[in-house]
C-alpha cells in the first residue's frame, strides 16, 4: 500500500495498524483521492477491528490524529476510515 500524495502518512498508518492487530498479514489499506482529500480505507482480519477502534473509539481517534499530523507535512488532507 502506498499513496503518492501522502507517502509518509500511508507508511505511518500501515505501521501503526499492523502493530496493533493480532493478524498483521490480513491488514489492507486502500488509498483513494477525492476532491483534494486522500482517503484511506483500513480493513483488518476477523476479531481485530475492536483492537483498532479501542474503547469509545479512542485508539481510532488517536490513529487519525497521528496520520493527519504527518499528512500535513506532505501538504495533504486525509481521512481515515475503518471498514468492517
PDB file of N, CA and C in Angstrom:
ATOM      1  N   UNK A   1       0.840  -1.171   0.000  1.00  0.00           N
ATOM      2  CA  UNK A   1       0.000   0.000   0.000  1.00  0.00           C
ATOM      3  C   UNK A   1       0.879   1.225   0.000  1.00  0.00           C
ATOM      4  N   UNK A   2       0.610   2.115  -0.910  1.00  0.00           N
ATOM      5  CA  UNK A   2       1.305   3.393  -0.888  1.00  0.00           C
ATOM      6  C   UNK A   2       0.432   4.433  -1.547  1.00  0.00           C
ATOM      7  N   UNK A   3       0.608   5.626  -1.132  1.00  0.00           N
ATOM      8  CA  UNK A   3      -0.116   6.735  -1.720  1.00  0.00           C
ATOM      9  C   UNK A   3       0.906   7.761  -2.179  1.00  0.00           C
ATOM     10  N   UNK A   4       0.813   8.178  -3.425  1.00  0.00           N
ATOM     11  CA  UNK A   4       1.760   9.150  -3.950  1.00  0.00           C
ATOM     12  C   UNK A   4       1.544  10.534  -3.347  1.00  0.00           C
ATOM     13  N   UNK A   5       0.320  10.815  -2.887  1.00  0.00           N
ATOM     14  CA  UNK A   5       0.016  12.142  -2.367  1.00  0.00           C
ATOM     15  C   UNK A   5       0.423  12.320  -0.914  1.00  0.00           C
ATOM     16  N   UNK A   6       0.430  11.268  -0.140  1.00  0.00           N
ATOM     17  CA  UNK A   6       0.791  11.349   1.277  1.00  0.00           C
ATOM     18  C   UNK A   6       1.595  10.112   1.676  1.00  0.00           C
ATOM     19  N   UNK A   7       2.804   9.986   1.148  1.00  0.00           N
ATOM     20  CA  UNK A   7       3.567   8.758   1.397  1.00  0.00           C
ATOM     21  C   UNK A   7       3.929   8.529   2.862  1.00  0.00           C
ATOM     22  N   UNK A   8       4.292   9.573   3.584  1.00  0.00           N
ATOM     23  CA  UNK A   8       4.657   9.406   4.992  1.00  0.00           C
ATOM     24  C   UNK A   8       3.437   9.002   5.816  1.00  0.00           C
ATOM     25  N   UNK A   9       2.284   9.580   5.512  1.00  0.00           N
ATOM     26  CA  UNK A   9       1.055   9.244   6.225  1.00  0.00           C
ATOM     27  C   UNK A   9       0.658   7.801   5.959  1.00  0.00           C
ATOM     28  N   UNK A  10       0.796   7.357   4.716  1.00  0.00           N
ATOM     29  CA  UNK A  10       0.451   5.984   4.359  1.00  0.00           C
ATOM     30  C   UNK A  10       1.361   4.997   5.078  1.00  0.00           C
ATOM     31  N   UNK A  11       2.638   5.309   5.147  1.00  0.00           N
ATOM     32  CA  UNK A  11       3.600   4.439   5.824  1.00  0.00           C
ATOM     33  C   UNK A  11       3.309   4.365   7.317  1.00  0.00           C
ATOM     34  N   UNK A  12       3.043   5.502   7.933  1.00  0.00           N
ATOM     35  CA  UNK A  12       2.737   5.524   9.365  1.00  0.00           C
ATOM     36  C   UNK A  12       1.465   4.746   9.669  1.00  0.00           C
ATOM     37  N   UNK A  13       0.425   4.963   8.885  1.00  0.00           N
ATOM     38  CA  UNK A  13      -0.838   4.257   9.090  1.00  0.00           C
ATOM     39  C   UNK A  13      -0.636   2.754   9.013  1.00  0.00           C
ATOM     40  N   UNK A  14       0.075   2.305   8.013  1.00  0.00           N
ATOM     41  CA  UNK A  14       0.341   0.881   7.857  1.00  0.00           C
ATOM     42  C   UNK A  14       1.107   0.329   9.058  1.00  0.00           C
ATOM     43  N   UNK A  15       2.125   1.043   9.486  1.00  0.00           N
ATOM     44  CA  UNK A  15       2.948   0.589  10.611  1.00  0.00           C
ATOM     45  C   UNK A  15       2.132   0.503  11.902  1.00  0.00           C
ATOM     46  N   UNK A  16       1.359   1.533  12.206  1.00  0.00           N
ATOM     47  CA  UNK A  16       0.584   1.567  13.447  1.00  0.00           C
ATOM     48  C   UNK A  16      -0.475   0.469  13.464  1.00  0.00           C
ATOM     49  N   UNK A  17      -1.227   0.333  12.386  1.00  0.00           N
ATOM     50  CA  UNK A  17      -2.305  -0.659  12.360  1.00  0.00           C
ATOM     51  C   UNK A  17      -1.740  -2.079  12.431  1.00  0.00           C
ATOM     52  N   UNK A  18      -0.696  -2.378  11.673  1.00  0.00           N
ATOM     53  CA  UNK A  18      -0.141  -3.732  11.715  1.00  0.00           C
ATOM     54  C   UNK A  18       0.495  -4.039  13.068  1.00  0.00           C
ATOM     55  N   UNK A  19       0.921  -3.019  13.800  1.00  0.00           N
ATOM     56  CA  UNK A  19       1.494  -3.227  15.130  1.00  0.00           C
ATOM     57  C   UNK A  19       0.429  -3.538  16.175  1.00  0.00           C
ATOM     58  N   UNK A  20      -0.776  -3.051  15.971  1.00  0.00           N
ATOM     59  CA  UNK A  20      -1.854  -3.215  16.947  1.00  0.00           C
ATOM     60  C   UNK A  20      -2.566  -4.557  16.811  1.00  0.00           C
ATOM     61  N   UNK A  21      -2.778  -5.018  15.588  1.00  0.00           N
ATOM     62  CA  UNK A  21      -3.616  -6.196  15.350  1.00  0.00           C
ATOM     63  C   UNK A  21      -2.873  -7.507  15.623  1.00  0.00           C
ATOM     64  N   UNK A  22      -3.650  -8.571  15.809  1.00  0.00           N
ATOM     65  CA  UNK A  22      -3.069  -9.900  16.011  1.00  0.00           C
ATOM     66  C   UNK A  22      -2.727 -10.585  14.689  1.00  0.00           C
ATOM     67  N   UNK A  23      -3.392 -10.171  13.608  1.00  0.00           N
ATOM     68  CA  UNK A  23      -3.173 -10.771  12.288  1.00  0.00           C
ATOM     69  C   UNK A  23      -2.690  -9.688  11.310  1.00  0.00           C
ATOM     70  N   UNK A  24      -1.431  -9.279  11.408  1.00  0.00           N
ATOM     71  CA  UNK A  24      -0.947  -8.194  10.552  1.00  0.00           C
ATOM     72  C   UNK A  24      -0.952  -8.527   9.061  1.00  0.00           C
ATOM     73  N   UNK A  25      -0.922  -9.805   8.716  1.00  0.00           N
ATOM     74  CA  UNK A  25      -0.942 -10.186   7.301  1.00  0.00           C
ATOM     75  C   UNK A  25      -2.295  -9.906   6.646  1.00  0.00           C
ATOM     76  N   UNK A  26      -3.342  -9.751   7.456  1.00  0.00           N
ATOM     77  CA  UNK A  26      -4.679  -9.528   6.919  1.00  0.00           C
ATOM     78  C   UNK A  26      -5.061  -8.054   6.833  1.00  0.00           C
ATOM     79  N   UNK A  27      -4.149  -7.165   7.169  1.00  0.00           N
ATOM     80  CA  UNK A  27      -4.427  -5.729   7.096  1.00  0.00           C
ATOM     81  C   UNK A  27      -4.381  -5.280   5.637  1.00  0.00           C
ATOM     82  N   UNK A  28      -5.430  -4.569   5.221  1.00  0.00           N
ATOM     83  CA  UNK A  28      -5.495  -3.999   3.871  1.00  0.00           C
ATOM     84  C   UNK A  28      -5.805  -2.518   4.000  1.00  0.00           C
ATOM     85  N   UNK A  29      -5.024  -1.700   3.320  1.00  0.00           N
ATOM     86  CA  UNK A  29      -5.271  -0.271   3.329  1.00  0.00           C
ATOM     87  C   UNK A  29      -5.339   0.205   1.885  1.00  0.00           C
ATOM     88  N   UNK A  30      -6.493   0.749   1.515  1.00  0.00           N
ATOM     89  CA  UNK A  30      -6.703   1.255   0.158  1.00  0.00           C
ATOM     90  C   UNK A  30      -6.718   2.775   0.206  1.00  0.00           C
ATOM     91  N   UNK A  31      -6.019   3.407  -0.720  1.00  0.00           N
ATOM     92  CA  UNK A  31      -5.978   4.868  -0.794  1.00  0.00           C
ATOM     93  C   UNK A  31      -6.718   5.332  -2.040  1.00  0.00           C
ATOM     94  N   UNK A  32      -7.596   6.313  -1.856  1.00  0.00           N
ATOM     95  CA  UNK A  32      -8.298   6.938  -2.976  1.00  0.00           C
ATOM     96  C   UNK A  32      -8.194   8.446  -2.817  1.00  0.00           C
ATOM     97  N   UNK A  33      -8.316   9.158  -3.933  1.00  0.00           N
ATOM     98  CA  UNK A  33      -8.215  10.609  -3.915  1.00  0.00           C
ATOM     99  C   UNK A  33      -9.529  11.202  -4.403  1.00  0.00           C
ATOM    100  N   UNK A  34     -10.212  11.921  -3.518  1.00  0.00           N
ATOM    101  CA  UNK A  34     -11.483  12.574  -3.858  1.00  0.00           C
ATOM    102  C   UNK A  34     -11.425  14.043  -3.475  1.00  0.00           C
ATOM    103  N   UNK A  35     -11.574  14.917  -4.446  1.00  0.00           N
ATOM    104  CA  UNK A  35     -11.638  16.360  -4.181  1.00  0.00           C
ATOM    105  C   UNK A  35     -10.520  16.848  -3.267  1.00  0.00           C
ATOM    106  N   UNK A  36      -9.298  16.574  -3.610  1.00  0.00           N
ATOM    107  CA  UNK A  36      -8.113  17.010  -2.863  1.00  0.00           C
ATOM    108  C   UNK A  36      -7.993  16.407  -1.466  1.00  0.00           C
ATOM    109  N   UNK A  37      -8.753  15.354  -1.188  1.00  0.00           N
ATOM    110  CA  UNK A  37      -8.659  14.644   0.084  1.00  0.00           C
ATOM    111  C   UNK A  37      -8.278  13.200  -0.201  1.00  0.00           C
ATOM    112  N   UNK A  38      -7.207  12.749   0.429  1.00  0.00           N
ATOM    113  CA  UNK A  38      -6.799  11.357   0.285  1.00  0.00           C
ATOM    114  C   UNK A  38      -7.533  10.557   1.354  1.00  0.00           C
ATOM    115  N   UNK A  39      -8.227   9.524   0.920  1.00  0.00           N
ATOM    116  CA  UNK A  39      -8.994   8.695   1.857  1.00  0.00           C
ATOM    117  C   UNK A  39      -8.326   7.327   1.969  1.00  0.00           C
ATOM    118  N   UNK A  40      -8.051   6.928   3.202  1.00  0.00           N
ATOM    119  CA  UNK A  40      -7.505   5.608   3.485  1.00  0.00           C
ATOM    120  C   UNK A  40      -8.604   4.746   4.084  1.00  0.00           C
ATOM    121  N   UNK A  41      -8.921   3.636   3.422  1.00  0.00           N
ATOM    122  CA  UNK A  41      -9.880   2.662   3.945  1.00  0.00           C
ATOM    123  C   UNK A  41      -9.085   1.512   4.538  1.00  0.00           C
ATOM    124  N   UNK A  42      -9.256   1.279   5.828  1.00  0.00           N
ATOM    125  CA  UNK A  42      -8.498   0.268   6.547  1.00  0.00           C
ATOM    126  C   UNK A  42      -9.391  -0.932   6.830  1.00  0.00           C
ATOM    127  N   UNK A  43      -8.939  -2.106   6.406  1.00  0.00           N
ATOM    128  CA  UNK A  43      -9.638  -3.361   6.691  1.00  0.00           C
ATOM    129  C   UNK A  43      -8.676  -4.261   7.448  1.00  0.00           C
ATOM    130  N   UNK A  44      -9.205  -4.937   8.489  1.00  0.00           N
ATOM    131  CA  UNK A  44      -8.374  -5.833   9.294  1.00  0.00           C
ATOM    132  C   UNK A  44      -9.039  -7.202   9.361  1.00  0.00           C
ATOM    133  N   UNK A  45      -8.314  -8.195   9.865  1.00  0.00           N
ATOM    134  CA  UNK A  45      -8.820  -9.558   9.965  1.00  0.00           C
ATOM    135  C   UNK A  45      -9.917  -9.686  11.009  1.00  0.00           C
ATOM    136  N   UNK A  46     -10.578 -10.833  10.995  1.00  0.00           N
ATOM    137  CA  UNK A  46     -11.647 -11.115  11.945  1.00  0.00           C
ATOM    138  C   UNK A  46     -11.144 -10.962  13.374  1.00  0.00           C
ATOM    139  N   UNK A  47     -11.914 -10.253  14.180  1.00  0.00           N
ATOM    140  CA  UNK A  47     -11.581 -10.087  15.583  1.00  0.00           C
ATOM    141  C   UNK A  47     -10.617  -8.959  15.884  1.00  0.00           C
ATOM    142  N   UNK A  48     -10.052  -8.327  14.869  1.00  0.00           N
ATOM    143  CA  UNK A  48      -9.076  -7.262  15.109  1.00  0.00           C
ATOM    144  C   UNK A  48      -9.668  -5.854  15.068  1.00  0.00           C
ATOM    145  N   UNK A  49     -10.894  -5.704  14.583  1.00  0.00           N
ATOM    146  CA  UNK A  49     -11.477  -4.366  14.465  1.00  0.00           C
ATOM    147  C   UNK A  49     -11.606  -3.710  15.842  1.00  0.00           C
ATOM    148  N   UNK A  50     -11.953  -4.483  16.857  1.00  0.00           N
ATOM    149  CA  UNK A  50     -12.073  -3.930  18.200  1.00  0.00           C
ATOM    150  C   UNK A  50     -10.763  -3.373  18.722  1.00  0.00           C
ATOM    151  N   UNK A  51      -9.664  -4.013  18.372  1.00  0.00           N
ATOM    152  CA  UNK A  51      -8.338  -3.532  18.786  1.00  0.00           C
ATOM    153  C   UNK A  51      -8.026  -2.193  18.115  1.00  0.00           C
ATOM    154  N   UNK A  52      -8.405  -2.055  16.866  1.00  0.00           N
ATOM    155  CA  UNK A  52      -8.095  -0.839  16.118  1.00  0.00           C
ATOM    156  C   UNK A  52      -8.997   0.320  16.553  1.00  0.00           C
ATOM    157  N   UNK A  53     -10.247   0.026  16.858  1.00  0.00           N
ATOM    158  CA  UNK A  53     -11.180   1.070  17.280  1.00  0.00           C
ATOM    159  C   UNK A  53     -10.905   1.487  18.727  1.00  0.00           C
ATOM    160  N   UNK A  54     -10.707   0.512  19.613  1.00  0.00           N
ATOM    161  CA  UNK A  54     -10.442   0.814  21.013  1.00  0.00           C
ATOM    162  C   UNK A  54     -11.704   1.191  21.772  1.00  0.00           C
ATOM    163  N   UNK A  55     -11.569   1.356  23.074  1.00  0.00           N
ATOM    164  CA  UNK A  55     -12.715   1.730  23.906  1.00  0.00           C
ATOM    165  C   UNK A  55     -13.178   3.130  23.545  1.00  0.00           C
ATOM    166  N   UNK A  56     -14.466   3.231  23.254  1.00  0.00           N
ATOM    167  CA  UNK A  56     -15.093   4.502  22.878  1.00  0.00           C
ATOM    168  C   UNK A  56     -14.408   5.167  21.687  1.00  0.00           C
ATOM    169  N   UNK A  57     -13.721   4.377  20.870  1.00  0.00           N
ATOM    170  CA  UNK A  57     -13.093   4.900  19.669  1.00  0.00           C
ATOM    171  C   UNK A  57     -11.801   5.669  19.903  1.00  0.00           C
ATOM    172  N   UNK A  58     -11.250   5.533  21.093  1.00  0.00           N
ATOM    173  CA  UNK A  58     -10.047   6.319  21.425  1.00  0.00           C
ATOM    174  C   UNK A  58      -8.842   5.947  20.572  1.00  0.00           C
ATOM    175  N   UNK A  59      -8.651   4.662  20.331  1.00  0.00           N
ATOM    176  CA  UNK A  59      -7.499   4.240  19.518  1.00  0.00           C
ATOM    177  C   UNK A  59      -7.651   4.745  18.088  1.00  0.00           C
ATOM    178  N   UNK A  60      -8.850   4.599  17.532  1.00  0.00           N
ATOM    179  CA  UNK A  60      -9.103   5.074  16.167  1.00  0.00           C
ATOM    180  C   UNK A  60      -8.890   6.581  16.078  1.00  0.00           C
ATOM    181  N   UNK A  61      -9.349   7.309  17.070  1.00  0.00           N
ATOM    182  CA  UNK A  61      -9.183   8.762  17.079  1.00  0.00           C
ATOM    183  C   UNK A  61      -7.702   9.134  17.125  1.00  0.00           C
ATOM    184  N   UNK A  62      -6.940   8.432  17.960  1.00  0.00           N
ATOM    185  CA  UNK A  62      -5.507   8.701  18.065  1.00  0.00           C
ATOM    186  C   UNK A  62      -4.781   8.389  16.754  1.00  0.00           C
ATOM    187  N   UNK A  63      -5.160   7.277  16.115  1.00  0.00           N
ATOM    188  CA  UNK A  63      -4.549   6.920  14.824  1.00  0.00           C
ATOM    189  C   UNK A  63      -4.834   8.014  13.799  1.00  0.00           C
ATOM    190  N   UNK A  64      -6.090   8.458  13.742  1.00  0.00           N
ATOM    191  CA  UNK A  64      -6.450   9.518  12.787  1.00  0.00           C
ATOM    192  C   UNK A  64      -5.644  10.789  13.049  1.00  0.00           C
ATOM    193  N   UNK A  65      -5.501  11.170  14.315  1.00  0.00           N
ATOM    194  CA  UNK A  65      -4.772  12.393  14.654  1.00  0.00           C
ATOM    195  C   UNK A  65      -3.302  12.298  14.237  1.00  0.00           C
ATOM    196  N   UNK A  66      -2.675  11.157  14.517  1.00  0.00           N
ATOM    197  CA  UNK A  66      -1.271  10.966  14.129  1.00  0.00           C
ATOM    198  C   UNK A  66      -1.090  11.036  12.619  1.00  0.00           C
ATOM    199  N   UNK A  67      -1.942  10.324  11.903  1.00  0.00           N
ATOM    200  CA  UNK A  67      -1.808  10.263  10.447  1.00  0.00           C
ATOM    201  C   UNK A  67      -2.085  11.622   9.816  1.00  0.00           C
ATOM    202  N   UNK A  68      -3.065  12.357  10.341  1.00  0.00           N
ATOM    203  CA  UNK A  68      -3.343  13.697   9.815  1.00  0.00           C
ATOM    204  C   UNK A  68      -2.178  14.641  10.057  1.00  0.00           C
ATOM    205  N   UNK A  69      -1.534  14.525  11.215  1.00  0.00           N
ATOM    206  CA  UNK A  69      -0.389  15.386  11.516  1.00  0.00           C
ATOM    207  C   UNK A  69       0.757  15.132  10.543  1.00  0.00           C
ATOM    208  N   UNK A  70       1.024  13.874  10.255  1.00  0.00           N
ATOM    209  CA  UNK A  70       2.086  13.537   9.304  1.00  0.00           C
ATOM    210  C   UNK A  70       1.700  13.963   7.888  1.00  0.00           C
ATOM    211  N   UNK A  71       0.423  13.815   7.546  1.00  0.00           N
ATOM    212  CA  UNK A  71      -0.043  14.207   6.212  1.00  0.00           C
ATOM    213  C   UNK A  71       0.102  15.706   6.003  1.00  0.00           C
ATOM    214  N   UNK A  72      -0.045  16.477   7.067  1.00  0.00           N
ATOM    215  CA  UNK A  72       0.109  17.930   6.956  1.00  0.00           C
ATOM    216  C   UNK A  72       1.523  18.282   6.490  1.00  0.00           C
ATOM    217  N   UNK A  73       2.523  17.503   6.898  1.00  0.00           N
ATOM    218  CA  UNK A  73       3.894  17.721   6.433  1.00  0.00           C
ATOM    219  C   UNK A  73       4.009  17.476   4.930  1.00  0.00           C
ATOM    220  N   UNK A  74       3.196  16.544   4.415  1.00  0.00           N
ATOM    221  CA  UNK A  74       3.186  16.261   2.984  1.00  0.00           C
ATOM    222  C   UNK A  74       2.312  17.262   2.229  1.00  0.00           C
ATOM    223  N   UNK A  75       1.641  18.127   2.957  1.00  0.00           N
ATOM    224  CA  UNK A  75       0.742  19.090   2.331  1.00  0.00           C
ATOM    225  C   UNK A  75      -0.547  18.449   1.852  1.00  0.00           C
ATOM    226  N   UNK A  76      -0.944  17.354   2.477  1.00  0.00           N
ATOM    227  CA  UNK A  76      -2.141  16.623   2.052  1.00  0.00           C
ATOM    228  C   UNK A  76      -3.204  16.657   3.126  1.00  0.00           C
ATOM    229  N   UNK A  77      -4.433  16.602   2.700  1.00  0.00           N
ATOM    230  CA  UNK A  77      -5.571  16.477   3.603  1.00  0.00           C
ATOM    231  C   UNK A  77      -6.054  15.033   3.512  1.00  0.00           C
ATOM    232  N   UNK A  78      -6.204  14.383   4.651  1.00  0.00           N
ATOM    233  CA  UNK A  78      -6.553  12.964   4.602  1.00  0.00           C
ATOM    234  C   UNK A  78      -7.736  12.647   5.494  1.00  0.00           C
ATOM    235  N   UNK A  79      -8.322  11.489   5.215  1.00  0.00           N
ATOM    236  CA  UNK A  79      -9.403  10.940   6.024  1.00  0.00           C
ATOM    237  C   UNK A  79      -9.114   9.465   6.178  1.00  0.00           C
ATOM    238  N   UNK A  80      -9.261   8.933   7.382  1.00  0.00           N
ATOM    239  CA  UNK A  80      -9.027   7.523   7.647  1.00  0.00           C
ATOM    240  C   UNK A  80     -10.348   6.886   8.063  1.00  0.00           C
ATOM    241  N   UNK A  81     -10.776   5.855   7.341  1.00  0.00           N
ATOM    242  CA  UNK A  81     -11.997   5.137   7.648  1.00  0.00           C
ATOM    243  C   UNK A  81     -11.654   3.691   7.959  1.00  0.00           C
ATOM    244  N   UNK A  82     -12.243   3.175   9.030  1.00  0.00           N
ATOM    245  CA  UNK A  82     -12.057   1.780   9.405  1.00  0.00           C
ATOM    246  C   UNK A  82     -13.280   1.024   8.917  1.00  0.00           C
ATOM    247  N   UNK A  83     -13.086   0.149   7.924  1.00  0.00           N
ATOM    248  CA  UNK A  83     -14.169  -0.519   7.226  1.00  0.00           C
ATOM    249  C   UNK A  83     -14.323  -1.939   7.740  1.00  0.00           C
ATOM    250  N   UNK A  84     -15.554  -2.304   8.079  1.00  0.00           N
ATOM    251  CA  UNK A  84     -15.844  -3.639   8.566  1.00  0.00           C
ATOM    252  C   UNK A  84     -15.959  -4.620   7.426  1.00  0.00           C
TER     253      UNK A  84
END
